[in-house]
């Protein structure tokens, strides 16, 4: 191999390495592969954990024209916030900006050249990382979405989706569009123990499980992760064979948290993350549940499969070196379902 060829190969390798490092830091929020098993990825905790409260006692009062949401339509964690925003009728309270589906070495960026993406109207940032540094110049963790930005104090309030959806659920009720949306409680007191139990295995086995399988760097780590993914799906199938939603006949945050992974499963995780033992359409009750949730008023509008498919397959060059985006599969999320039978 000549000197020129060696230089070309070195540049290609360096570019892929930088992109891979950006993916680990920004999208997956994963640490080094030094988990319980060699080659296992561990998801890091979010850094900004302040709360918005209805009475303002937290220092961040729930009010109109104050907060802005930054999201990726590809990211399942950010997708949670868009679903709850819609279910609770908070569209006017949380305007949002969508980042580019392509994740490069500098992380999420803003563009007006792709569908549904816009430039940053609040901070004028080119990259999400700039927003983090504006909030904290010494910030040294992951540049993730979703992010709630407070325009009044010019800082990030929270970047943990699990906490953001609970704030949306309880602290902004006076701003909900309809009385029904105001009354909707996705984390009701009498179901909290059950919801927490569901979250305790859905997150590690399914939500994060697909990432653990996809980003595994050893056969042992992959084998353990993918086994847990399908054990979790089998458990969910059993639950949903007896009732419409995970806790019964009432939609809760547990359903939302599961849904965002299920929507991406056959489109991306089966092939891209090697979670191919079974597809979601092979689980009759889970597949019915997905269609049921997707067909709820406004939910389909939060789903963008172009962003989802292109982000994962074009950005993750360590998994898909040439960035070729697969053509399928074709799935009909609007097909009829019979989940109403459980509510009768």
Protein backbone atom coordinates (compact mmCIF):
# COMPACT_ATOMS: atom_id res chain seq x y z
CA UNK A 1 0.00 0.00 0.00
CA UNK A 2 1.44 3.39 -1.05
CA UNK A 3 1.82 6.46 1.14
CA UNK A 4 -1.23 8.19 -0.41
CA UNK A 5 -3.42 5.13 0.14
CA UNK A 6 -2.26 4.88 3.74
CA UNK A 7 -3.15 8.52 4.33
CA UNK A 8 -6.59 8.02 2.81
CA UNK A 9 -7.25 4.98 5.00
CA UNK A 10 -6.02 6.87 8.07
CA UNK A 11 -8.35 9.78 7.36
CA UNK A 12 -11.31 7.46 6.86
CA UNK A 13 -10.51 5.64 10.09
CA UNK A 14 -10.13 8.91 12.00
CA UNK A 15 -13.43 10.26 10.68
CA UNK A 16 -15.25 7.09 11.66
CA UNK A 17 -13.64 7.13 15.09
CA UNK A 18 -14.73 10.73 15.69
CA UNK A 19 -18.26 9.95 14.56
CA UNK A 20 -18.42 6.87 16.77
CA UNK A 21 -17.15 8.87 19.77
CA UNK A 22 -19.80 11.50 19.13
CA UNK A 23 -22.50 8.86 19.00
CA UNK A 24 -21.41 7.36 22.28
CA UNK A 25 -21.25 10.74 23.96
CA UNK A 26 -24.30 12.41 22.52
CA UNK A 27 -26.97 10.01 21.31
CA UNK A 28 -26.71 6.95 23.44
CA UNK A 29 -25.24 8.71 26.47
CA UNK A 30 -23.13 5.63 27.01
CA UNK A 31 -19.91 5.34 28.98
CA UNK A 32 -16.86 3.25 28.10
CA UNK A 33 -17.30 -0.47 27.49
CA UNK A 34 -16.28 -1.28 31.04
CA UNK A 35 -19.53 -2.58 32.40
CA UNK A 36 -20.29 -5.77 34.23
CA UNK A 37 -19.09 -7.65 31.14
CA UNK A 38 -16.34 -6.82 28.69
CA UNK A 39 -17.78 -4.84 25.77
CA UNK A 40 -20.97 -3.82 27.58
CA UNK A 41 -22.32 -0.26 27.29
CA UNK A 42 -23.66 1.54 30.34
CA UNK A 43 -26.04 4.49 29.95
CA UNK A 44 -24.99 7.52 31.96
CA UNK A 45 -27.40 9.61 34.02
CA UNK A 46 -28.57 12.99 32.82
CA UNK A 47 -26.88 16.04 34.34
CA UNK A 48 -29.57 18.76 34.59
CA UNK A 49 -32.22 17.62 37.04
CA UNK A 50 -34.14 20.74 38.16
CA UNK A 51 -37.92 20.81 38.33
CA UNK A 52 -40.67 23.06 37.03
CA UNK A 53 -43.54 23.41 39.51
CA UNK A 54 -47.02 24.88 39.24
CA UNK A 55 -46.43 27.20 42.21
CA UNK A 56 -42.87 28.13 41.30
CA UNK A 57 -41.45 26.83 44.56
CA UNK A 58 -38.65 25.11 42.65
CA UNK A 59 -37.47 28.39 41.17
CA UNK A 60 -38.99 27.46 37.81
CA UNK A 61 -42.69 28.29 37.61
CA UNK A 62 -45.02 26.66 35.11
CA UNK A 63 -46.04 29.50 32.84
CA UNK A 64 -46.65 30.34 29.21
CA UNK A 65 -43.99 31.75 26.85
CA UNK A 66 -41.14 30.71 29.12
CA UNK A 67 -39.88 27.25 28.12
CA UNK A 68 -38.56 25.76 24.90
CA UNK A 69 -38.03 22.11 24.08
CA UNK A 70 -35.18 20.76 21.97
CA UNK A 71 -35.77 17.28 20.52
CA UNK A 72 -34.73 14.74 17.95
CA UNK A 73 -37.58 12.98 16.15
CA UNK A 74 -35.33 9.93 15.95
CA UNK A 75 -34.54 9.70 19.66
CA UNK A 76 -36.92 7.48 21.69
CA UNK A 77 -36.20 9.44 24.89
CA UNK A 78 -37.09 12.76 23.27
CA UNK A 79 -40.12 11.14 21.65
CA UNK A 80 -41.58 10.49 25.11
CA UNK A 81 -41.81 14.23 25.72
CA UNK A 82 -43.56 14.91 22.40
CA UNK A 83 -46.17 12.22 23.12
CA UNK A 84 -46.94 13.51 26.62
CA UNK A 85 -46.96 17.10 25.33
CA UNK A 86 -49.67 16.03 22.88
CA UNK A 87 -51.66 13.90 25.33
CA UNK A 88 -51.73 16.73 27.88
CA UNK A 89 -52.56 19.43 25.34
CA UNK A 90 -49.45 21.51 26.01
CA UNK A 91 -48.56 22.44 22.45
CA UNK A 92 -48.73 26.19 23.15
CA UNK A 93 -46.68 25.85 26.34
CA UNK A 94 -43.82 23.86 24.85
CA UNK A 95 -42.80 25.04 21.39
CA UNK A 96 -39.99 22.83 20.17
CA UNK A 97 -37.09 22.70 17.76
CA UNK A 98 -36.09 19.54 15.91
CA UNK A 99 -32.42 18.78 15.32
CA UNK A 100 -30.90 17.21 12.22
CA UNK A 101 -31.31 13.43 12.06
CA UNK A 102 -27.63 13.09 11.12
CA UNK A 103 -25.40 12.90 14.18
CA UNK A 104 -21.82 13.94 13.49
CA UNK A 105 -18.67 14.23 15.55
CA UNK A 106 -19.85 17.50 17.14
CA UNK A 107 -23.18 16.01 18.15
CA UNK A 108 -26.70 17.13 17.33
CA UNK A 109 -26.87 20.14 15.02
CA UNK A 110 -29.56 22.47 13.74
CA UNK A 111 -30.47 22.79 10.08
CA UNK A 112 -33.29 24.14 7.93
CA UNK A 113 -32.38 21.94 4.98
CA UNK A 114 -34.25 18.81 6.06
CA UNK A 115 -37.97 18.11 6.65
CA UNK A 116 -39.28 19.27 10.05
CA UNK A 117 -35.83 20.54 11.09
CA UNK A 118 -35.25 24.23 11.82
CA UNK A 119 -32.49 26.52 12.93
CA UNK A 120 -32.37 27.32 16.65
CA UNK A 121 -34.84 30.22 17.16
CA UNK A 122 -34.02 30.76 20.83
CA UNK A 123 -30.25 30.65 21.28
CA UNK A 124 -29.06 30.81 17.68
CA UNK A 125 -26.88 27.77 18.31
CA UNK A 126 -25.39 25.65 15.55
CA UNK A 127 -24.99 22.59 17.80
CA UNK A 128 -26.87 21.42 20.88
CA UNK A 129 -23.56 21.35 22.73
CA UNK A 130 -23.48 25.19 22.53
CA UNK A 131 -26.71 25.33 24.52
CA UNK A 132 -25.17 23.16 27.21
CA UNK A 133 -22.10 25.39 27.42
CA UNK A 134 -24.32 28.48 27.60
CA UNK A 135 -26.05 26.96 30.61
CA UNK A 136 -22.78 25.81 32.15
CA UNK A 137 -19.42 26.83 30.62
CA UNK A 138 -17.72 24.07 32.64
CA UNK A 139 -20.10 21.34 31.47
CA UNK A 140 -18.24 18.11 30.74
CA UNK A 141 -20.90 15.41 30.31
CA UNK A 142 -23.14 14.32 27.44
CA UNK A 143 -24.92 16.62 24.97
CA UNK A 144 -28.25 14.84 24.80
CA UNK A 145 -31.85 15.58 23.89
CA UNK A 146 -34.53 16.23 25.06
CA UNK A 147 -33.66 19.53 26.70
CA UNK A 148 -35.98 22.03 28.38
CA UNK A 149 -34.57 25.53 28.08
CA UNK A 150 -35.78 28.37 30.32
CA UNK A 151 -35.85 31.61 28.35
CA UNK A 152 -36.31 33.66 31.51
CA UNK A 153 -33.13 32.56 33.31
CA UNK A 154 -31.24 31.43 30.19
CA UNK A 155 -30.42 27.97 31.40
CA UNK A 156 -31.26 24.31 30.97
CA UNK A 157 -33.87 23.16 33.46
CA UNK A 158 -33.82 19.45 32.76
CA UNK A 159 -32.52 16.95 30.21
CA UNK A 160 -33.95 13.75 31.73
CA UNK A 161 -36.98 12.59 29.75
CA UNK A 162 -38.46 10.56 32.62
CA UNK A 163 -38.60 13.69 34.77
CA UNK A 164 -39.73 15.99 31.98
CA UNK A 165 -42.81 13.88 31.22
CA UNK A 166 -43.79 13.86 34.89
CA UNK A 167 -43.53 17.65 35.02
CA UNK A 168 -45.72 17.88 31.93
CA UNK A 169 -48.18 15.47 33.51
CA UNK A 170 -48.77 17.35 36.77
CA UNK A 171 -47.40 20.89 36.77
CA UNK A 172 -49.02 22.43 33.68
CA UNK A 173 -52.63 21.31 34.09
CA UNK A 174 -54.00 24.86 34.07
CA UNK A 175 -52.64 25.24 30.54
CA UNK A 176 -54.04 22.02 29.05
CA UNK A 177 -56.15 22.63 25.97
CA UNK A 178 -59.22 20.63 27.04
CA UNK A 179 -60.76 19.59 30.37
CA UNK A 180 -60.12 15.95 29.43
CA UNK A 181 -56.42 16.62 28.89
CA UNK A 182 -56.24 18.51 32.17
CA UNK A 183 -57.79 15.57 34.02
CA UNK A 184 -55.58 12.98 32.33
CA UNK A 185 -53.07 11.63 34.86
CA UNK A 186 -50.34 9.43 33.47
CA UNK A 187 -48.89 8.77 36.92
CA UNK A 188 -51.91 8.40 39.23
CA UNK A 189 -51.31 7.80 42.91
CA UNK A 190 -53.11 4.46 43.03
CA UNK A 191 -51.04 3.04 40.15
CA UNK A 192 -47.61 4.40 41.05
CA UNK A 193 -46.31 1.21 42.64
CA UNK A 194 -47.38 -0.77 39.59
CA UNK A 195 -45.91 1.80 37.19
CA UNK A 196 -42.58 1.84 39.00
CA UNK A 197 -42.44 -1.95 38.89
CA UNK A 198 -43.08 -1.90 35.14
CA UNK A 199 -40.46 0.80 34.57
CA UNK A 200 -37.95 -1.19 36.62
CA UNK A 201 -37.71 -3.90 33.95
CA UNK A 202 -38.98 -2.20 30.78
CA UNK A 203 -36.16 0.34 30.88
CA UNK A 204 -33.15 -2.00 31.34
CA UNK A 205 -34.51 -4.91 29.31
CA UNK A 206 -36.29 -3.16 26.44
CA UNK A 207 -35.70 0.62 26.22
CA UNK A 208 -31.99 0.44 26.98
CA UNK A 209 -31.71 -3.26 26.16
CA UNK A 210 -31.81 -2.68 22.41
CA UNK A 211 -28.93 -0.21 22.76
CA UNK A 212 -26.95 -2.64 24.90
CA UNK A 213 -27.40 -5.24 22.18
CA UNK A 214 -26.70 -2.88 19.29
CA UNK A 215 -23.61 -1.24 20.76
CA UNK A 216 -22.17 -4.39 22.35
CA UNK A 217 -18.49 -4.89 21.63
CA UNK A 218 -18.26 -8.52 22.65
CA UNK A 219 -20.30 -11.62 21.93
CA UNK A 220 -20.89 -12.17 25.63
CA UNK A 221 -22.29 -8.66 26.14
CA UNK A 222 -24.52 -8.99 23.07
CA UNK A 223 -25.80 -12.44 24.06
CA UNK A 224 -26.82 -11.24 27.51
CA UNK A 225 -28.42 -8.02 26.28
CA UNK A 226 -30.43 -9.51 23.43
CA UNK A 227 -31.66 -12.33 25.65
CA UNK A 228 -33.01 -9.77 28.12
CA UNK A 229 -34.66 -7.79 25.32
CA UNK A 230 -36.80 -10.73 24.29
CA UNK A 231 -37.49 -11.84 27.83
CA UNK A 232 -38.86 -8.34 28.38
CA UNK A 233 -40.95 -8.45 25.22
CA UNK A 234 -42.31 -11.88 26.15
CA UNK A 235 -43.33 -10.49 29.52
CA UNK A 236 -45.01 -7.47 27.93
CA UNK A 237 -46.86 -9.76 25.50
CA UNK A 238 -48.21 -11.79 28.40
CA UNK A 239 -49.44 -8.68 30.23
CA UNK A 240 -51.05 -7.21 27.11
CA UNK A 241 -52.81 -10.48 26.34
CA UNK A 242 -55.01 -9.82 29.38
CA UNK A 243 -55.57 -6.05 29.37
CA UNK A 244 -55.56 -3.09 27.00
CA UNK A 245 -52.65 -1.22 28.59
CA UNK A 246 -49.82 -2.18 30.90
CA UNK A 247 -51.69 -1.27 34.10
CA UNK A 248 -55.20 -2.16 32.95
CA UNK A 249 -57.66 0.02 31.04
CA UNK A 250 -55.87 3.30 31.75
CA UNK A 251 -53.01 4.83 29.75
CA UNK A 252 -50.03 5.66 31.95
CA UNK A 253 -46.46 6.82 31.49
CA UNK A 254 -45.41 3.16 31.41
CA UNK A 255 -47.26 2.76 28.10
CA UNK A 256 -45.59 5.85 26.66
CA UNK A 257 -42.13 4.74 27.75
CA UNK A 258 -42.61 1.31 26.16
CA UNK A 259 -44.24 2.62 22.99
CA UNK A 260 -41.31 4.71 21.75
CA UNK A 261 -39.07 1.64 21.63
CA UNK A 262 -41.72 -0.57 20.06
CA UNK A 263 -42.34 1.92 17.24
CA UNK A 264 -38.66 1.74 16.28
CA UNK A 265 -38.20 -1.97 16.77
CA UNK A 266 -39.09 -3.53 13.42
CA UNK A 267 -37.97 -0.45 11.48
CA UNK A 268 -34.51 -0.23 13.03
CA UNK A 269 -33.64 -2.46 15.97
CA UNK A 270 -34.34 -5.81 14.29
CA UNK A 271 -31.67 -5.29 11.67
CA UNK A 272 -29.48 -2.42 12.82
CA UNK A 273 -29.15 -3.55 16.46
CA UNK A 274 -29.34 -7.29 15.68
CA UNK A 275 -32.49 -7.77 17.77
CA UNK A 276 -33.84 -10.20 15.20
CA UNK A 277 -35.07 -13.20 17.16
CA UNK A 278 -38.63 -11.97 16.66
CA UNK A 279 -40.32 -8.86 15.30
CA UNK A 280 -42.98 -6.79 17.01
CA UNK A 281 -45.48 -7.92 14.37
CA UNK A 282 -44.82 -11.48 15.58
CA UNK A 283 -46.30 -10.55 18.97
CA UNK A 284 -50.06 -10.25 18.34
CA UNK A 285 -50.87 -8.39 21.54
CA UNK A 286 -47.89 -6.05 21.50
CA UNK A 287 -48.50 -5.27 17.83
CA UNK A 288 -52.16 -4.53 18.59
CA UNK A 289 -51.07 -2.31 21.50
CA UNK A 290 -48.69 -0.36 19.25
CA UNK A 291 -51.43 0.29 16.68
CA UNK A 292 -53.88 1.22 19.42
CA UNK A 293 -51.48 3.80 20.89
CA UNK A 294 -50.38 5.10 17.48
CA UNK A 295 -54.00 5.75 16.51
CA UNK A 296 -54.75 7.86 19.58
CA UNK A 297 -55.54 11.44 18.62
CA UNK A 298 -52.37 13.31 17.68
CA UNK A 299 -49.87 10.56 18.46
CA UNK A 300 -49.10 9.62 14.85
CA UNK A 301 -48.04 13.22 14.30
CA UNK A 302 -45.20 12.77 16.79
CA UNK A 303 -43.77 9.85 14.78
CA UNK A 304 -41.41 10.42 11.86
CA UNK A 305 -39.96 7.26 10.36
CA UNK A 306 -37.76 9.16 7.91
CA UNK A 307 -35.91 10.76 10.83
CA UNK A 308 -35.82 7.46 12.72
CA UNK A 309 -34.51 5.27 9.89
CA UNK A 310 -32.01 7.78 8.51
CA UNK A 311 -30.62 8.76 11.91
CA UNK A 312 -29.75 5.30 13.14
CA UNK A 313 -28.53 3.83 9.90
CA UNK A 314 -26.69 6.86 8.53
CA UNK A 315 -25.18 8.08 11.82
CA UNK A 316 -23.99 4.83 13.38
CA UNK A 317 -21.01 4.19 11.12
CA UNK A 318 -19.41 1.81 13.63
CA UNK A 319 -22.40 -0.48 13.03
CA UNK A 320 -23.26 0.46 9.44
CA UNK A 321 -19.95 1.67 7.89
CA UNK A 322 -21.35 2.84 4.56
CA UNK A 323 -24.42 4.55 6.05
CA UNK A 324 -26.80 2.77 3.69
CA UNK A 325 -30.43 3.13 4.80
CA UNK A 326 -32.59 0.04 4.33
CA UNK A 327 -35.74 0.26 2.24
CA UNK A 328 -38.17 -1.34 4.67
CA UNK A 329 -40.07 -2.87 6.22
CA UNK A 330 -43.49 -1.56 5.24
CA UNK A 331 -45.78 -1.57 8.28
CA UNK A 332 -49.41 -0.43 8.55
CA UNK A 333 -49.77 1.30 11.90
CA UNK A 334 -53.28 2.40 10.95
CA UNK A 335 -54.56 -1.16 10.46
CA UNK A 336 -57.56 -2.04 12.63
CA UNK A 337 -56.97 -3.53 16.06
CA UNK A 338 -59.29 -5.12 18.59
CA UNK A 339 -57.81 -3.72 21.79
CA UNK A 340 -61.16 -2.14 22.71
CA UNK A 341 -62.39 -5.60 23.70
CA UNK A 342 -60.55 -5.26 26.99
CA UNK A 343 -62.36 -2.04 27.89
CA UNK A 344 -65.86 -3.45 27.49
